[in-house]
N, C-alpha and C. Protein backbone atom coordinates (compact mmCIF):
# COMPACT_ATOMS: atom_id res chain seq x y z
N MET A 1 0.82 -1.18 0.00
CA MET A 1 0.00 0.00 0.00
C MET A 1 0.86 1.25 0.00
N VAL A 2 1.90 1.27 0.81
CA VAL A 2 2.72 2.47 0.95
C VAL A 2 3.36 2.87 -0.37
N GLU A 3 3.71 1.91 -1.20
CA GLU A 3 4.34 2.22 -2.48
C GLU A 3 3.39 2.88 -3.47
N THR A 4 2.09 2.76 -3.26
CA THR A 4 1.12 3.30 -4.21
C THR A 4 0.43 4.57 -3.70
N VAL A 5 0.80 5.04 -2.50
CA VAL A 5 0.12 6.17 -1.89
C VAL A 5 0.97 7.43 -1.95
N HIS A 6 0.32 8.52 -2.32
CA HIS A 6 0.91 9.85 -2.26
C HIS A 6 -0.09 10.73 -1.53
N LEU A 7 0.40 11.70 -0.80
CA LEU A 7 -0.47 12.59 -0.05
C LEU A 7 -0.40 13.99 -0.61
N GLN A 8 -1.55 14.63 -0.62
CA GLN A 8 -1.63 16.02 -1.04
C GLN A 8 -2.27 16.79 0.11
N LYS A 9 -1.59 17.81 0.59
CA LYS A 9 -2.08 18.55 1.75
C LYS A 9 -2.85 19.79 1.29
N ASP A 10 -4.01 19.98 1.92
CA ASP A 10 -4.81 21.18 1.71
C ASP A 10 -4.75 21.99 3.01
N PRO A 11 -3.87 22.99 3.09
CA PRO A 11 -3.68 23.71 4.35
C PRO A 11 -4.87 24.57 4.77
N GLN A 12 -5.74 24.92 3.83
CA GLN A 12 -6.86 25.79 4.17
C GLN A 12 -7.87 25.10 5.07
N ASN A 13 -8.15 23.84 4.82
CA ASN A 13 -9.12 23.15 5.68
C ASN A 13 -8.49 21.98 6.42
N ARG A 14 -7.17 22.03 6.62
CA ARG A 14 -6.44 21.04 7.43
C ARG A 14 -6.81 19.61 7.03
N GLU A 15 -6.62 19.31 5.77
CA GLU A 15 -7.02 18.02 5.24
C GLU A 15 -5.92 17.46 4.37
N TYR A 16 -5.73 16.14 4.46
CA TYR A 16 -4.83 15.43 3.57
C TYR A 16 -5.68 14.59 2.63
N VAL A 17 -5.36 14.64 1.35
CA VAL A 17 -6.06 13.86 0.35
C VAL A 17 -5.11 12.75 -0.11
N ILE A 18 -5.59 11.52 -0.05
CA ILE A 18 -4.79 10.38 -0.48
C ILE A 18 -4.97 10.20 -1.98
N ILE A 19 -3.86 10.10 -2.68
CA ILE A 19 -3.86 9.76 -4.09
C ILE A 19 -3.22 8.39 -4.19
N CYS A 20 -3.96 7.42 -4.69
CA CYS A 20 -3.50 6.03 -4.69
C CYS A 20 -3.68 5.42 -6.07
N THR A 21 -2.65 4.72 -6.54
CA THR A 21 -2.71 4.09 -7.86
C THR A 21 -3.16 2.64 -7.81
N ASP A 22 -3.35 2.10 -6.61
CA ASP A 22 -3.77 0.71 -6.46
C ASP A 22 -5.30 0.64 -6.61
N PRO A 23 -5.81 -0.09 -7.60
CA PRO A 23 -7.27 -0.15 -7.81
C PRO A 23 -8.04 -0.78 -6.66
N ARG A 24 -7.37 -1.55 -5.80
CA ARG A 24 -8.07 -2.17 -4.66
C ARG A 24 -8.53 -1.14 -3.65
N ALA A 25 -7.94 0.04 -3.66
CA ALA A 25 -8.29 1.08 -2.69
C ALA A 25 -9.72 1.56 -2.87
N THR A 26 -10.25 1.52 -4.07
CA THR A 26 -11.59 2.02 -4.31
C THR A 26 -12.67 1.08 -3.80
N GLU A 27 -12.34 -0.20 -3.64
CA GLU A 27 -13.33 -1.18 -3.18
C GLU A 27 -13.79 -0.90 -1.75
N ASN A 28 -12.84 -0.69 -0.86
CA ASN A 28 -13.15 -0.42 0.55
C ASN A 28 -12.01 0.41 1.14
N PRO A 29 -12.06 1.74 0.98
CA PRO A 29 -10.95 2.59 1.43
C PRO A 29 -10.64 2.45 2.92
N GLU A 30 -11.66 2.31 3.77
CA GLU A 30 -11.41 2.19 5.21
C GLU A 30 -10.54 0.96 5.50
N SER A 31 -10.79 -0.12 4.81
CA SER A 31 -10.03 -1.35 5.03
C SER A 31 -8.64 -1.25 4.39
N PHE A 32 -8.57 -0.73 3.19
CA PHE A 32 -7.30 -0.67 2.47
C PHE A 32 -6.28 0.23 3.18
N PHE A 33 -6.72 1.37 3.69
CA PHE A 33 -5.80 2.35 4.28
C PHE A 33 -5.66 2.20 5.80
N GLN A 34 -6.31 1.21 6.41
CA GLN A 34 -6.23 1.08 7.86
C GLN A 34 -4.78 0.97 8.32
N GLY A 35 -4.46 1.70 9.37
CA GLY A 35 -3.11 1.69 9.92
C GLY A 35 -2.17 2.69 9.30
N LEU A 36 -2.56 3.30 8.17
CA LEU A 36 -1.72 4.31 7.54
C LEU A 36 -1.53 5.47 8.51
N THR A 37 -0.30 5.82 8.80
CA THR A 37 0.01 6.89 9.74
C THR A 37 0.87 7.93 9.04
N LEU A 38 0.52 9.19 9.25
CA LEU A 38 1.30 10.27 8.67
C LEU A 38 1.52 11.35 9.71
N TYR A 39 2.64 12.02 9.57
CA TYR A 39 2.93 13.12 10.49
C TYR A 39 2.06 14.32 10.15
N ALA A 40 1.58 14.98 11.19
CA ALA A 40 0.83 16.22 11.05
C ALA A 40 1.73 17.35 11.54
N ASP A 41 1.51 18.54 11.05
CA ASP A 41 2.37 19.67 11.39
C ASP A 41 2.28 20.06 12.85
N SER A 42 1.15 19.81 13.46
CA SER A 42 0.98 20.18 14.87
C SER A 42 -0.05 19.24 15.49
N GLY A 43 -0.42 19.51 16.73
CA GLY A 43 -1.43 18.71 17.39
C GLY A 43 -2.84 19.08 17.01
N ASP A 44 -3.01 20.05 16.11
CA ASP A 44 -4.34 20.44 15.67
C ASP A 44 -4.99 19.31 14.88
N PRO A 45 -6.29 19.14 14.98
CA PRO A 45 -6.97 18.07 14.25
C PRO A 45 -6.83 18.24 12.74
N VAL A 46 -6.63 17.14 12.06
CA VAL A 46 -6.61 17.11 10.60
C VAL A 46 -7.50 15.97 10.15
N ASP A 47 -7.92 16.03 8.90
CA ASP A 47 -8.76 14.99 8.31
C ASP A 47 -8.01 14.35 7.15
N ILE A 48 -8.36 13.11 6.86
CA ILE A 48 -7.81 12.39 5.71
C ILE A 48 -8.98 11.90 4.88
N ARG A 49 -8.88 12.05 3.58
CA ARG A 49 -9.93 11.52 2.72
C ARG A 49 -9.32 10.88 1.48
N TYR A 50 -10.05 9.96 0.92
CA TYR A 50 -9.69 9.32 -0.33
C TYR A 50 -10.82 9.59 -1.30
N HIS A 51 -10.54 10.29 -2.37
CA HIS A 51 -11.56 10.82 -3.27
C HIS A 51 -12.52 11.65 -2.42
N GLU A 52 -13.76 11.34 -2.41
CA GLU A 52 -14.73 12.09 -1.60
C GLU A 52 -15.08 11.35 -0.31
N HIS A 53 -14.36 10.29 -0.01
CA HIS A 53 -14.66 9.44 1.15
C HIS A 53 -13.78 9.84 2.34
N PRO A 54 -14.35 10.47 3.38
CA PRO A 54 -13.54 10.77 4.56
C PRO A 54 -13.23 9.49 5.34
N LEU A 55 -12.01 9.39 5.83
CA LEU A 55 -11.59 8.22 6.58
C LEU A 55 -11.58 8.54 8.07
N SER A 56 -11.98 7.58 8.89
CA SER A 56 -11.96 7.80 10.33
C SER A 56 -10.50 7.68 10.81
N VAL A 57 -10.10 8.63 11.64
CA VAL A 57 -8.71 8.70 12.07
C VAL A 57 -8.58 8.84 13.57
N ARG A 58 -7.40 8.53 14.05
CA ARG A 58 -7.04 8.74 15.45
C ARG A 58 -5.88 9.73 15.46
N HIS A 59 -5.99 10.76 16.29
CA HIS A 59 -4.93 11.76 16.43
C HIS A 59 -3.99 11.31 17.53
N ASN A 60 -2.72 11.18 17.19
CA ASN A 60 -1.71 10.68 18.12
C ASN A 60 -0.93 11.84 18.72
N GLY A 61 -0.57 11.68 19.96
CA GLY A 61 0.26 12.68 20.63
C GLY A 61 1.67 12.67 20.05
N PRO A 62 2.51 13.50 20.58
CA PRO A 62 3.87 13.56 20.05
C PRO A 62 4.64 12.27 20.32
N ASP A 63 5.45 11.89 19.35
CA ASP A 63 6.30 10.71 19.53
C ASP A 63 7.61 11.12 20.18
N GLU A 64 8.60 10.25 20.15
CA GLU A 64 9.87 10.54 20.81
C GLU A 64 10.62 11.71 20.18
N THR A 65 10.25 12.07 18.94
CA THR A 65 10.88 13.22 18.30
C THR A 65 10.08 14.50 18.52
N GLY A 66 8.91 14.38 19.17
CA GLY A 66 8.07 15.54 19.42
C GLY A 66 7.07 15.85 18.32
N ARG A 67 6.97 14.97 17.32
CA ARG A 67 6.06 15.21 16.20
C ARG A 67 4.72 14.51 16.43
N PHE A 68 3.65 15.17 16.02
CA PHE A 68 2.30 14.61 16.09
C PHE A 68 2.03 13.82 14.83
N SER A 69 1.08 12.87 14.92
CA SER A 69 0.71 12.08 13.76
C SER A 69 -0.78 11.76 13.79
N VAL A 70 -1.25 11.26 12.65
CA VAL A 70 -2.65 10.85 12.48
C VAL A 70 -2.64 9.46 11.88
N THR A 71 -3.48 8.56 12.42
CA THR A 71 -3.54 7.18 11.93
C THR A 71 -4.96 6.86 11.49
N VAL A 72 -5.08 6.24 10.30
CA VAL A 72 -6.38 5.74 9.86
C VAL A 72 -6.72 4.57 10.77
N ASN A 73 -7.91 4.61 11.36
CA ASN A 73 -8.31 3.61 12.36
C ASN A 73 -8.26 2.20 11.79
N MET A 74 -7.84 1.28 12.67
CA MET A 74 -7.83 -0.13 12.34
C MET A 74 -9.24 -0.69 12.52
N GLN A 75 -9.65 -1.57 11.63
CA GLN A 75 -10.95 -2.20 11.76
C GLN A 75 -10.86 -3.33 12.76
N LYS A 76 -11.90 -3.48 13.55
CA LYS A 76 -11.93 -4.55 14.54
C LYS A 76 -12.19 -5.87 13.83
N LEU A 77 -11.38 -6.85 14.18
CA LEU A 77 -11.56 -8.18 13.62
C LEU A 77 -12.72 -8.88 14.31
N PRO A 78 -13.46 -9.70 13.59
CA PRO A 78 -14.57 -10.42 14.23
C PRO A 78 -14.03 -11.44 15.22
N ASP A 79 -14.81 -11.67 16.28
CA ASP A 79 -14.47 -12.71 17.24
C ASP A 79 -14.53 -14.08 16.57
N ILE A 80 -13.57 -14.92 16.89
CA ILE A 80 -13.56 -16.25 16.29
C ILE A 80 -14.03 -17.33 17.26
N TRP A 81 -14.28 -16.95 18.48
CA TRP A 81 -14.74 -17.93 19.47
C TRP A 81 -16.19 -17.75 19.77
């Protein structure tokens, strides 16, 4: 997934747009991009979307370098028991 993803930042509305060349991304973007993490410029909330589909994200605090990040939420796996 990482090899096919490029990000475009829209600073006016604090949004990152994912540009992806992998055709599987259009089938279920939430599943395809789950776990994708990117650095954000600050701790302010940002959004991520793929085409017109907003993705649910988790805003992460600063890491060991002091940088904030945003992660596309992981989908919960079904119980097997």
